[in-house]
Amino acid sequence: QFYFLFPFIVWFLGFGKDPHAKIKKFLIWVGFLAFVSLSAFICLNFINKDAAYFLMPARFWEIAIGCLSCILFSKENKIIYTLQKCNPLIVTFAIILLMFFPTSAIIFTTITVTLLTTLLLLCLRIETFAYRVFTNPILTYIGLISYSLYLWHWSVIVLARWSIGVSKTTIIPIVFLIFLLSVASYEIVEKNFRKSSWGSK
């Protein structure tokens, strides 16, 4: 849903036509929308946790932080220089550790993981061991098909629950099917769309 909405925001703010002139306006509006979305996420978690988790307005802020960070830290400055001193392996360990927190701490863990993920992207320098790990060809390919994995995993799991069930004996073929569909989507659909010459005619 975010990917349907965000292009309209870019178009409405005029950022796509003249990013240098409209950058301040873009940052202010997206920052404001991210703040409203974060507020909705926090409030809904006290009222309706399912709505806070599944509805896009309450999750917009997470990807918006990535968009804002991409623009704010696209050039070298004192802030990014300071952030790059952080050890990416420690940041990664902290992210993994937060996954073991109880669901009652969902507000704290979600906000912290989002910020730590942003920090990880900013401090992952080429000369670090963590960079070599994350740029491993296998992990890189998983990253490339990650959106397809996101789209397929829940559908396959739900259909499996309705049919063969999800158990120790069925989990391996279910995971295999999810990966197979994700690879097919990426190789056949996503790659072809990226190679298409949109608006060239």
N, C-alpha and C. Protein backbone atom coordinates (compact mmCIF):
# COMPACT_ATOMS: atom_id res chain seq x y z
N GLN A 1 0.83 -1.21 0.00
CA GLN A 1 0.00 0.00 0.00
C GLN A 1 0.87 1.26 0.00
N PHE A 2 1.96 1.21 0.72
CA PHE A 2 2.89 2.34 0.78
C PHE A 2 3.38 2.68 -0.62
N TYR A 3 3.70 1.64 -1.39
CA TYR A 3 4.30 1.87 -2.71
C TYR A 3 3.30 2.41 -3.73
N PHE A 4 2.01 2.27 -3.42
CA PHE A 4 0.99 2.90 -4.26
C PHE A 4 0.82 4.37 -3.86
N LEU A 5 0.91 4.65 -2.58
CA LEU A 5 0.68 6.00 -2.06
C LEU A 5 1.87 6.93 -2.26
N PHE A 6 3.08 6.42 -2.00
CA PHE A 6 4.26 7.28 -1.97
C PHE A 6 4.54 8.01 -3.28
N PRO A 7 4.39 7.36 -4.45
CA PRO A 7 4.61 8.10 -5.71
C PRO A 7 3.69 9.30 -5.86
N PHE A 8 2.45 9.20 -5.35
CA PHE A 8 1.52 10.32 -5.42
C PHE A 8 1.99 11.47 -4.52
N ILE A 9 2.58 11.11 -3.37
CA ILE A 9 3.12 12.14 -2.47
C ILE A 9 4.27 12.86 -3.15
N VAL A 10 5.16 12.09 -3.79
CA VAL A 10 6.29 12.68 -4.52
C VAL A 10 5.80 13.59 -5.63
N TRP A 11 4.79 13.13 -6.38
CA TRP A 11 4.24 13.94 -7.48
C TRP A 11 3.54 15.19 -6.95
N PHE A 12 2.74 15.05 -5.89
CA PHE A 12 1.99 16.17 -5.33
C PHE A 12 2.91 17.27 -4.81
N LEU A 13 4.03 16.89 -4.22
CA LEU A 13 4.96 17.87 -3.66
C LEU A 13 5.93 18.42 -4.71
N GLY A 14 5.86 17.88 -5.93
CA GLY A 14 6.73 18.36 -6.99
C GLY A 14 8.17 17.93 -6.85
N PHE A 15 8.42 16.98 -5.96
CA PHE A 15 9.79 16.54 -5.69
C PHE A 15 10.38 15.80 -6.89
N GLY A 16 9.56 15.06 -7.61
CA GLY A 16 10.05 14.30 -8.75
C GLY A 16 10.59 15.17 -9.86
N LYS A 17 9.97 16.33 -10.11
CA LYS A 17 10.39 17.22 -11.20
C LYS A 17 11.63 18.03 -10.84
N ASP A 18 11.66 18.51 -9.60
CA ASP A 18 12.79 19.36 -9.19
C ASP A 18 13.16 19.03 -7.75
N PRO A 19 13.89 17.93 -7.53
CA PRO A 19 14.20 17.50 -6.17
C PRO A 19 15.03 18.48 -5.37
N HIS A 20 15.90 19.24 -6.02
CA HIS A 20 16.76 20.18 -5.29
C HIS A 20 15.96 21.36 -4.75
N ALA A 21 15.03 21.85 -5.54
CA ALA A 21 14.23 23.01 -5.11
C ALA A 21 13.15 22.62 -4.11
N LYS A 22 12.65 21.38 -4.23
CA LYS A 22 11.53 20.94 -3.40
C LYS A 22 11.94 20.07 -2.22
N ILE A 23 13.24 19.93 -1.99
CA ILE A 23 13.70 18.99 -0.98
C ILE A 23 13.23 19.36 0.43
N LYS A 24 13.25 20.66 0.75
CA LYS A 24 12.81 21.10 2.07
C LYS A 24 11.33 20.81 2.28
N LYS A 25 10.52 21.13 1.26
CA LYS A 25 9.08 20.88 1.33
C LYS A 25 8.81 19.39 1.48
N PHE A 26 9.55 18.58 0.73
CA PHE A 26 9.39 17.13 0.78
C PHE A 26 9.72 16.61 2.18
N LEU A 27 10.84 17.04 2.74
CA LEU A 27 11.26 16.58 4.06
C LEU A 27 10.25 16.98 5.13
N ILE A 28 9.72 18.19 5.04
CA ILE A 28 8.76 18.66 6.04
C ILE A 28 7.48 17.84 5.99
N TRP A 29 6.93 17.63 4.78
CA TRP A 29 5.67 16.92 4.64
C TRP A 29 5.79 15.44 4.97
N VAL A 30 6.82 14.80 4.46
CA VAL A 30 7.01 13.38 4.76
C VAL A 30 7.33 13.18 6.24
N GLY A 31 8.10 14.11 6.81
CA GLY A 31 8.38 14.06 8.24
C GLY A 31 7.11 14.22 9.06
N PHE A 32 6.24 15.13 8.63
CA PHE A 32 4.97 15.34 9.33
C PHE A 32 4.08 14.10 9.23
N LEU A 33 3.99 13.51 8.03
CA LEU A 33 3.19 12.30 7.84
C LEU A 33 3.75 11.13 8.65
N ALA A 34 5.08 11.06 8.73
CA ALA A 34 5.72 10.01 9.52
C ALA A 34 5.38 10.17 11.01
N PHE A 35 5.37 11.43 11.47
CA PHE A 35 5.02 11.70 12.88
C PHE A 35 3.58 11.33 13.17
N VAL A 36 2.68 11.69 12.26
CA VAL A 36 1.25 11.34 12.44
C VAL A 36 1.08 9.83 12.43
N SER A 37 1.77 9.16 11.52
CA SER A 37 1.69 7.71 11.42
C SER A 37 2.23 7.03 12.68
N LEU A 38 3.36 7.52 13.18
CA LEU A 38 3.94 6.97 14.41
C LEU A 38 2.99 7.16 15.59
N SER A 39 2.37 8.34 15.65
CA SER A 39 1.40 8.60 16.72
C SER A 39 0.22 7.63 16.64
N ALA A 40 -0.25 7.38 15.41
CA ALA A 40 -1.34 6.43 15.21
C ALA A 40 -0.93 5.03 15.62
N PHE A 41 0.30 4.65 15.30
CA PHE A 41 0.83 3.33 15.67
C PHE A 41 0.82 3.16 17.19
N ILE A 42 1.30 4.16 17.89
CA ILE A 42 1.37 4.09 19.35
C ILE A 42 -0.03 4.03 19.95
N CYS A 43 -0.92 4.90 19.50
CA CYS A 43 -2.28 4.95 20.05
C CYS A 43 -3.07 3.67 19.76
N LEU A 44 -2.97 3.19 18.52
CA LEU A 44 -3.72 1.99 18.14
C LEU A 44 -3.26 0.75 18.89
N ASN A 45 -2.01 0.73 19.31
CA ASN A 45 -1.52 -0.42 20.06
C ASN A 45 -2.20 -0.57 21.42
N PHE A 46 -2.75 0.53 21.91
CA PHE A 46 -3.50 0.47 23.17
C PHE A 46 -4.97 0.15 22.95
N ILE A 47 -5.43 0.32 21.71
CA ILE A 47 -6.85 0.13 21.39
C ILE A 47 -7.10 -1.14 20.59
N ASN A 48 -6.34 -1.27 19.50
CA ASN A 48 -6.53 -2.39 18.58
C ASN A 48 -5.18 -2.77 17.98
N LYS A 49 -4.52 -3.78 18.56
CA LYS A 49 -3.19 -4.16 18.13
C LYS A 49 -3.17 -4.68 16.69
N ASP A 50 -4.25 -5.35 16.27
CA ASP A 50 -4.31 -5.84 14.89
C ASP A 50 -4.31 -4.69 13.90
N ALA A 51 -5.07 -3.64 14.22
CA ALA A 51 -5.12 -2.47 13.34
C ALA A 51 -3.76 -1.78 13.29
N ALA A 52 -3.08 -1.71 14.44
CA ALA A 52 -1.76 -1.08 14.50
C ALA A 52 -0.75 -1.85 13.66
N TYR A 53 -0.94 -3.16 13.57
CA TYR A 53 0.02 -3.99 12.84
C TYR A 53 -0.30 -4.07 11.35
N PHE A 54 -1.57 -4.20 11.00
CA PHE A 54 -1.94 -4.48 9.62
C PHE A 54 -2.26 -3.25 8.77
N LEU A 55 -2.70 -2.16 9.38
CA LEU A 55 -3.14 -1.01 8.60
C LEU A 55 -1.96 -0.12 8.19
N MET A 56 -1.94 0.27 6.92
CA MET A 56 -0.84 1.07 6.39
C MET A 56 -0.64 2.40 7.09
N PRO A 57 -1.71 3.15 7.42
CA PRO A 57 -1.48 4.45 8.07
C PRO A 57 -0.66 4.35 9.36
N ALA A 58 -0.76 3.22 10.05
CA ALA A 58 0.00 3.06 11.29
C ALA A 58 1.39 2.49 11.05
N ARG A 59 1.69 2.12 9.80
CA ARG A 59 3.01 1.57 9.48
C ARG A 59 3.79 2.44 8.50
N PHE A 60 3.15 3.50 8.00
CA PHE A 60 3.78 4.40 7.03
C PHE A 60 5.10 4.94 7.53
N TRP A 61 5.18 5.28 8.81
CA TRP A 61 6.35 5.93 9.39
C TRP A 61 7.62 5.09 9.25
N GLU A 62 7.49 3.76 9.24
CA GLU A 62 8.66 2.90 9.22
C GLU A 62 9.44 3.05 7.90
N ILE A 63 8.71 2.97 6.78
CA ILE A 63 9.38 3.12 5.48
C ILE A 63 9.70 4.59 5.22
N ALA A 64 8.89 5.49 5.76
CA ALA A 64 9.15 6.93 5.59
C ALA A 64 10.49 7.32 6.20
N ILE A 65 10.84 6.68 7.32
CA ILE A 65 12.13 6.96 7.95
C ILE A 65 13.27 6.59 7.01
N GLY A 66 13.10 5.49 6.28
CA GLY A 66 14.11 5.11 5.29
C GLY A 66 14.23 6.13 4.19
N CYS A 67 13.08 6.64 3.72
CA CYS A 67 13.07 7.65 2.65
C CYS A 67 13.74 8.94 3.12
N LEU A 68 13.42 9.35 4.33
CA LEU A 68 14.00 10.57 4.88
C LEU A 68 15.50 10.42 5.09
N SER A 69 15.92 9.26 5.60
CA SER A 69 17.34 9.01 5.84
C SER A 69 18.13 9.01 4.54
N CYS A 70 17.53 8.45 3.50
CA CYS A 70 18.19 8.40 2.19
C CYS A 70 18.53 9.80 1.69
N ILE A 71 17.63 10.75 1.94
CA ILE A 71 17.85 12.13 1.48
C ILE A 71 18.76 12.89 2.44
N LEU A 72 18.49 12.76 3.74
CA LEU A 72 19.25 13.52 4.73
C LEU A 72 20.72 13.11 4.79
N PHE A 73 20.97 11.82 4.55
CA PHE A 73 22.34 11.32 4.68
C PHE A 73 22.94 10.91 3.34
N SER A 74 22.43 11.48 2.25
CA SER A 74 22.96 11.15 0.92
C SER A 74 24.34 11.74 0.69
N LYS A 75 24.69 12.77 1.46
CA LYS A 75 26.00 13.40 1.34
C LYS A 75 26.75 13.30 2.66
N GLU A 76 28.06 13.26 2.56
CA GLU A 76 28.90 13.17 3.76
C GLU A 76 28.73 14.42 4.62
N ASN A 77 28.54 14.22 5.91
CA ASN A 77 28.49 15.34 6.85
C ASN A 77 28.95 14.85 8.23
N LYS A 78 28.98 15.75 9.18
CA LYS A 78 29.48 15.40 10.51
C LYS A 78 28.64 14.32 11.18
N ILE A 79 27.32 14.39 10.96
CA ILE A 79 26.44 13.42 11.60
C ILE A 79 26.71 12.01 11.09
N ILE A 80 26.75 11.87 9.77
CA ILE A 80 26.97 10.54 9.19
C ILE A 80 28.39 10.05 9.50
N TYR A 81 29.33 10.95 9.59
CA TYR A 81 30.69 10.57 9.96
C TYR A 81 30.71 9.99 11.37
N THR A 82 29.94 10.59 12.27
CA THR A 82 29.85 10.09 13.65
C THR A 82 29.14 8.74 13.69
N LEU A 83 28.05 8.61 12.93
CA LEU A 83 27.28 7.36 12.91
C LEU A 83 28.09 6.21 12.34
N GLN A 84 28.99 6.52 11.39
CA GLN A 84 29.79 5.48 10.76
C GLN A 84 30.83 4.88 11.71
N LYS A 85 31.02 5.51 12.85
CA LYS A 85 31.95 4.97 13.85
C LYS A 85 31.32 3.82 14.63
N CYS A 86 30.00 3.67 14.53
CA CYS A 86 29.32 2.58 15.22
C CYS A 86 29.72 1.24 14.61
N ASN A 87 29.79 0.22 15.44
CA ASN A 87 30.13 -1.12 14.96
C ASN A 87 28.88 -1.79 14.41
N PRO A 88 28.84 -2.10 13.11
CA PRO A 88 27.63 -2.69 12.51
C PRO A 88 27.26 -4.05 13.09
N LEU A 89 28.25 -4.82 13.55
CA LEU A 89 27.95 -6.13 14.14
C LEU A 89 27.22 -5.98 15.48
N ILE A 90 27.61 -4.97 16.25
CA ILE A 90 26.92 -4.70 17.53
C ILE A 90 25.49 -4.25 17.26
N VAL A 91 25.32 -3.40 16.24
CA VAL A 91 23.98 -2.94 15.86
C VAL A 91 23.12 -4.12 15.41
N THR A 92 23.70 -5.02 14.62
CA THR A 92 22.99 -6.21 14.15
C THR A 92 22.59 -7.10 15.33
N PHE A 93 23.52 -7.29 16.26
CA PHE A 93 23.24 -8.10 17.45
C PHE A 93 22.10 -7.49 18.26
N ALA A 94 22.10 -6.16 18.38
CA ALA A 94 21.03 -5.47 19.12
C ALA A 94 19.67 -5.68 18.46
N ILE A 95 19.64 -5.66 17.12
CA ILE A 95 18.39 -5.90 16.39
C ILE A 95 17.88 -7.31 16.65
N ILE A 96 18.79 -8.29 16.58
CA ILE A 96 18.41 -9.69 16.83
C ILE A 96 17.93 -9.87 18.27
N LEU A 97 18.61 -9.24 19.21
CA LEU A 97 18.24 -9.33 20.62
C LEU A 97 16.83 -8.82 20.87
N LEU A 98 16.46 -7.73 20.19
CA LEU A 98 15.14 -7.14 20.37
C LEU A 98 14.02 -8.07 19.90
N MET A 99 14.34 -8.99 18.99
CA MET A 99 13.34 -9.93 18.49
C MET A 99 12.87 -10.92 19.57
N PHE A 100 13.64 -11.04 20.64
CA PHE A 100 13.30 -11.96 21.72
C PHE A 100 12.55 -11.27 22.86
N PHE A 101 12.26 -9.99 22.69
CA PHE A 101 11.49 -9.26 23.69
C PHE A 101 10.03 -9.72 23.63
N PRO A 102 9.31 -9.64 24.74
CA PRO A 102 7.89 -10.04 24.74
C PRO A 102 7.04 -9.10 23.88
N THR A 103 5.91 -9.61 23.39
CA THR A 103 5.04 -8.80 22.53
C THR A 103 4.45 -7.61 23.28
N SER A 104 4.47 -7.65 24.59
CA SER A 104 3.97 -6.53 25.37
C SER A 104 4.82 -5.28 25.18
N ALA A 105 6.05 -5.47 24.70
CA ALA A 105 6.96 -4.34 24.47
C ALA A 105 6.99 -3.96 22.99
N ILE A 106 5.91 -4.25 22.27
CA ILE A 106 5.88 -4.07 20.81
C ILE A 106 6.16 -2.63 20.37
N ILE A 107 5.69 -1.66 21.12
CA ILE A 107 5.92 -0.26 20.75
C ILE A 107 7.40 0.07 20.83
N PHE A 108 8.01 -0.28 21.95
CA PHE A 108 9.44 -0.01 22.15
C PHE A 108 10.29 -0.76 21.12
N THR A 109 10.02 -2.06 20.95
CA THR A 109 10.86 -2.86 20.05
C THR A 109 10.70 -2.44 18.60
N THR A 110 9.49 -2.11 18.16
CA THR A 110 9.28 -1.71 16.76
C THR A 110 10.01 -0.41 16.45
N ILE A 111 9.87 0.57 17.32
CA ILE A 111 10.54 1.86 17.11
C ILE A 111 12.05 1.69 17.15
N THR A 112 12.53 0.93 18.12
CA THR A 112 13.98 0.74 18.27
C THR A 112 14.58 -0.04 17.11
N VAL A 113 13.91 -1.10 16.67
CA VAL A 113 14.41 -1.89 15.54
C VAL A 113 14.45 -1.04 14.27
N THR A 114 13.44 -0.21 14.06
CA THR A 114 13.42 0.66 12.88
C THR A 114 14.59 1.63 12.90
N LEU A 115 14.85 2.23 14.05
CA LEU A 115 15.96 3.18 14.16
C LEU A 115 17.31 2.48 14.04
N LEU A 116 17.42 1.29 14.64
CA LEU A 116 18.68 0.55 14.56
C LEU A 116 18.96 0.06 13.14
N THR A 117 17.90 -0.31 12.41
CA THR A 117 18.07 -0.73 11.03
C THR A 117 18.58 0.43 10.17
N THR A 118 18.04 1.62 10.43
CA THR A 118 18.53 2.82 9.74
C THR A 118 19.99 3.06 10.07
N LEU A 119 20.34 2.93 11.35
CA LEU A 119 21.72 3.10 11.79
C LEU A 119 22.63 2.07 11.13
N LEU A 120 22.15 0.83 11.01
CA LEU A 120 22.96 -0.23 10.39
C LEU A 120 23.29 0.11 8.95
N LEU A 121 22.31 0.61 8.21
CA LEU A 121 22.53 0.98 6.81
C LEU A 121 23.54 2.12 6.69
N LEU A 122 23.55 3.00 7.68
CA LEU A 122 24.44 4.16 7.63
C LEU A 122 25.87 3.84 8.07
N CYS A 123 26.03 2.84 8.95
CA CYS A 123 27.37 2.54 9.47
C CYS A 123 28.02 1.34 8.79
N LEU A 124 27.34 0.77 7.80
CA LEU A 124 27.86 -0.41 7.11
C LEU A 124 28.89 0.02 6.05
N ARG A 125 30.11 0.19 6.47
CA ARG A 125 31.17 0.65 5.58
C ARG A 125 31.81 -0.52 4.83
N ILE A 126 32.35 -0.23 3.66
CA ILE A 126 32.91 -1.26 2.79
C ILE A 126 34.02 -2.06 3.45
N GLU A 127 34.84 -1.39 4.27
CA GLU A 127 36.00 -2.07 4.83
C GLU A 127 35.67 -2.95 6.04
N THR A 128 34.42 -2.98 6.48
CA THR A 128 34.05 -3.75 7.67
C THR A 128 33.72 -5.20 7.33
N PHE A 129 33.91 -6.08 8.33
CA PHE A 129 33.57 -7.50 8.17
C PHE A 129 32.07 -7.66 7.94
N ALA A 130 31.27 -6.85 8.63
CA ALA A 130 29.82 -6.92 8.48
C ALA A 130 29.39 -6.64 7.04
N TYR A 131 30.09 -5.71 6.38
CA TYR A 131 29.76 -5.40 4.98
C TYR A 131 29.98 -6.62 4.10
N ARG A 132 31.09 -7.34 4.34
CA ARG A 132 31.36 -8.55 3.56
C ARG A 132 30.32 -9.63 3.80
N VAL A 133 29.83 -9.69 5.04
CA VAL A 133 28.78 -10.68 5.36
C VAL A 133 27.48 -10.32 4.65
N PHE A 134 27.07 -9.07 4.76
CA PHE A 134 25.80 -8.64 4.19
C PHE A 134 25.82 -8.58 2.67
N THR A 135 27.02 -8.49 2.07
CA THR A 135 27.11 -8.46 0.61
C THR A 135 27.44 -9.83 0.04
N ASN A 136 27.37 -10.86 0.88
CA ASN A 136 27.53 -12.23 0.40
C ASN A 136 26.49 -12.49 -0.69
N PRO A 137 26.87 -13.14 -1.80
CA PRO A 137 25.94 -13.34 -2.92
C PRO A 137 24.61 -13.97 -2.54
N ILE A 138 24.64 -14.92 -1.60
CA ILE A 138 23.39 -15.59 -1.19
C ILE A 138 22.49 -14.61 -0.45
N LEU A 139 23.08 -13.88 0.50
CA LEU A 139 22.29 -12.90 1.25
C LEU A 139 21.81 -11.77 0.34
N THR A 140 22.66 -11.39 -0.61
CA THR A 140 22.28 -10.34 -1.55
C THR A 140 21.07 -10.77 -2.38
N TYR A 141 21.07 -12.01 -2.82
CA TYR A 141 19.94 -12.49 -3.64
C TYR A 141 18.66 -12.58 -2.80
N ILE A 142 18.80 -13.00 -1.56
CA ILE A 142 17.63 -13.02 -0.66
C ILE A 142 17.08 -11.61 -0.51
N GLY A 143 18.00 -10.63 -0.44
CA GLY A 143 17.57 -9.24 -0.37
C GLY A 143 16.83 -8.81 -1.63
N LEU A 144 17.31 -9.27 -2.79
CA LEU A 144 16.67 -8.92 -4.05
C LEU A 144 15.25 -9.49 -4.16
N ILE A 145 15.05 -10.69 -3.63
CA ILE A 145 13.72 -11.31 -3.71
C ILE A 145 12.88 -11.04 -2.47
N SER A 146 13.38 -10.19 -1.57
CA SER A 146 12.72 -9.98 -0.28
C SER A 146 11.29 -9.44 -0.43
N TYR A 147 11.09 -8.56 -1.41
CA TYR A 147 9.73 -8.02 -1.58
C TYR A 147 8.78 -9.11 -2.05
N SER A 148 9.27 -9.97 -2.96
CA SER A 148 8.45 -11.11 -3.40
C SER A 148 8.19 -12.07 -2.25
N LEU A 149 9.20 -12.27 -1.41
CA LEU A 149 9.01 -13.11 -0.22
C LEU A 149 7.93 -12.52 0.68
N TYR A 150 7.99 -11.22 0.84
CA TYR A 150 6.98 -10.52 1.66
C TYR A 150 5.58 -10.71 1.09
N LEU A 151 5.46 -10.63 -0.24
CA LEU A 151 4.14 -10.75 -0.86
C LEU A 151 3.59 -12.17 -0.81
N TRP A 152 4.47 -13.15 -0.93
CA TRP A 152 4.01 -14.54 -1.05
C TRP A 152 3.87 -15.28 0.28
N HIS A 153 4.69 -14.95 1.27
CA HIS A 153 4.76 -15.82 2.44
C HIS A 153 3.42 -16.00 3.15
N TRP A 154 2.69 -14.89 3.34
CA TRP A 154 1.47 -14.97 4.11
C TRP A 154 0.37 -15.72 3.35
N SER A 155 0.31 -15.48 2.04
CA SER A 155 -0.70 -16.17 1.22
C SER A 155 -0.50 -17.68 1.24
N VAL A 156 0.74 -18.11 1.10
CA VAL A 156 1.05 -19.55 1.10
C VAL A 156 0.76 -20.16 2.47
N ILE A 157 1.14 -19.46 3.53
CA ILE A 157 0.91 -19.98 4.88
C ILE A 157 -0.59 -20.11 5.17
N VAL A 158 -1.36 -19.11 4.78
CA VAL A 158 -2.82 -19.16 5.00
C VAL A 158 -3.44 -20.31 4.22
N LEU A 159 -3.07 -20.47 2.95
CA LEU A 159 -3.60 -21.56 2.14
C LEU A 159 -3.17 -22.92 2.70
N ALA A 160 -1.97 -22.98 3.24
CA ALA A 160 -1.50 -24.22 3.85
C ALA A 160 -2.31 -24.58 5.09
N ARG A 161 -2.64 -23.57 5.87
CA ARG A 161 -3.46 -23.81 7.07
C ARG A 161 -4.84 -24.36 6.70
N TRP A 162 -5.38 -23.87 5.59
CA TRP A 162 -6.70 -24.31 5.16
C TRP A 162 -6.67 -25.69 4.50
N SER A 163 -5.50 -26.13 4.04
CA SER A 163 -5.41 -27.38 3.27
C SER A 163 -4.60 -28.44 4.02
N ILE A 164 -3.28 -28.42 3.86
CA ILE A 164 -2.45 -29.47 4.43
C ILE A 164 -2.08 -29.23 5.89
N GLY A 165 -2.30 -28.00 6.36
CA GLY A 165 -1.92 -27.65 7.72
C GLY A 165 -0.46 -27.25 7.82
N VAL A 166 -0.12 -26.52 8.88
CA VAL A 166 1.26 -26.10 9.13
C VAL A 166 1.79 -26.88 10.32
N SER A 167 2.74 -27.76 10.06
CA SER A 167 3.31 -28.62 11.11
C SER A 167 4.78 -28.86 10.82
N LYS A 168 5.41 -29.68 11.66
CA LYS A 168 6.83 -30.00 11.48
C LYS A 168 7.08 -30.72 10.16
N THR A 169 6.11 -31.50 9.72
CA THR A 169 6.29 -32.27 8.48
C THR A 169 5.98 -31.45 7.23
N THR A 170 5.19 -30.40 7.36
CA THR A 170 4.80 -29.61 6.18
C THR A 170 5.57 -28.31 6.04
N ILE A 171 6.28 -27.91 7.10
CA ILE A 171 6.92 -26.59 7.07
C ILE A 171 8.01 -26.48 6.00
N ILE A 172 8.77 -27.57 5.77
CA ILE A 172 9.84 -27.53 4.76
C ILE A 172 9.27 -27.33 3.35
N PRO A 173 8.27 -28.13 2.91
CA PRO A 173 7.71 -27.87 1.57
C PRO A 173 7.02 -26.51 1.46
N ILE A 174 6.46 -26.01 2.57
CA ILE A 174 5.83 -24.69 2.56
C ILE A 174 6.87 -23.61 2.31
N VAL A 175 7.98 -23.69 3.05
CA VAL A 175 9.07 -22.71 2.88
C VAL A 175 9.65 -22.81 1.47
N PHE A 176 9.80 -24.04 0.97
CA PHE A 176 10.32 -24.23 -0.38
C PHE A 176 9.40 -23.60 -1.42
N LEU A 177 8.09 -23.77 -1.25
CA LEU A 177 7.12 -23.19 -2.17
C LEU A 177 7.16 -21.67 -2.13
N ILE A 178 7.29 -21.10 -0.93
CA ILE A 178 7.38 -19.65 -0.79
C ILE A 178 8.59 -19.11 -1.54
N PHE A 179 9.75 -19.77 -1.37
CA PHE A 179 10.96 -19.34 -2.07
C PHE A 179 10.82 -19.52 -3.58
N LEU A 180 10.20 -20.63 -3.99
CA LEU A 180 10.04 -20.90 -5.42
C LEU A 180 9.18 -19.83 -6.08
N LEU A 181 8.06 -19.49 -5.46
CA LEU A 181 7.17 -18.46 -5.99
C LEU A 181 7.84 -17.09 -5.97
N SER A 182 8.62 -16.83 -4.93
CA SER A 182 9.31 -15.54 -4.81
C SER A 182 10.36 -15.37 -5.90
N VAL A 183 11.13 -16.43 -6.14
CA VAL A 183 12.15 -16.40 -7.19
C VAL A 183 11.50 -16.20 -8.56
N ALA A 184 10.38 -16.94 -8.79
CA ALA A 184 9.66 -16.81 -10.06
C ALA A 184 9.13 -15.39 -10.25
N SER A 185 8.57 -14.81 -9.19
CA SER A 185 8.04 -13.44 -9.27
C SER A 185 9.15 -12.45 -9.59
N TYR A 186 10.29 -12.62 -8.93
CA TYR A 186 11.40 -11.70 -9.14
C TYR A 186 11.99 -11.84 -10.54
N GLU A 187 12.25 -13.07 -10.96
CA GLU A 187 12.91 -13.32 -12.23
C GLU A 187 12.01 -13.04 -13.43
N ILE A 188 10.73 -13.41 -13.31
CA ILE A 188 9.83 -13.30 -14.46
C ILE A 188 9.10 -11.96 -14.51
N VAL A 189 8.63 -11.50 -13.34
CA VAL A 189 7.81 -10.28 -13.32
C VAL A 189 8.65 -9.04 -13.00
N GLU A 190 9.28 -9.04 -11.81
CA GLU A 190 9.96 -7.82 -11.35
C GLU A 190 11.10 -7.39 -12.27
N LYS A 191 11.94 -8.34 -12.67
CA LYS A 191 13.07 -7.99 -13.55
C LYS A 191 12.58 -7.42 -14.87
N ASN A 192 11.55 -8.03 -15.45
CA ASN A 192 11.03 -7.56 -16.74
C ASN A 192 10.42 -6.16 -16.62
N PHE A 193 9.74 -5.89 -15.50
CA PHE A 193 9.18 -4.56 -15.30
C PHE A 193 10.28 -3.53 -15.15
N ARG A 194 11.36 -3.90 -14.47
CA ARG A 194 12.47 -2.96 -14.29
C ARG A 194 13.16 -2.65 -15.60
N LYS A 195 13.23 -3.63 -16.49
CA LYS A 195 13.91 -3.45 -17.76
C LYS A 195 13.04 -2.73 -18.79
N SER A 196 11.74 -2.65 -18.51
CA SER A 196 10.83 -2.00 -19.46
C SER A 196 11.15 -0.52 -19.59
N SER A 197 11.02 0.01 -20.78
CA SER A 197 11.30 1.44 -21.03
C SER A 197 10.02 2.24 -20.82
N TRP A 198 9.71 2.48 -19.55
CA TRP A 198 8.49 3.19 -19.19
C TRP A 198 8.55 4.63 -19.71
N GLY A 199 7.51 5.05 -20.38
CA GLY A 199 7.38 6.44 -20.82
C GLY A 199 8.35 6.85 -21.89
N SER A 200 9.00 5.88 -22.55
CA SER A 200 9.96 6.23 -23.58
C SER A 200 9.31 6.53 -24.91
N LYS A 201 8.05 6.10 -25.05
CA LYS A 201 7.34 6.33 -26.32
C LYS A 201 6.34 7.47 -26.18
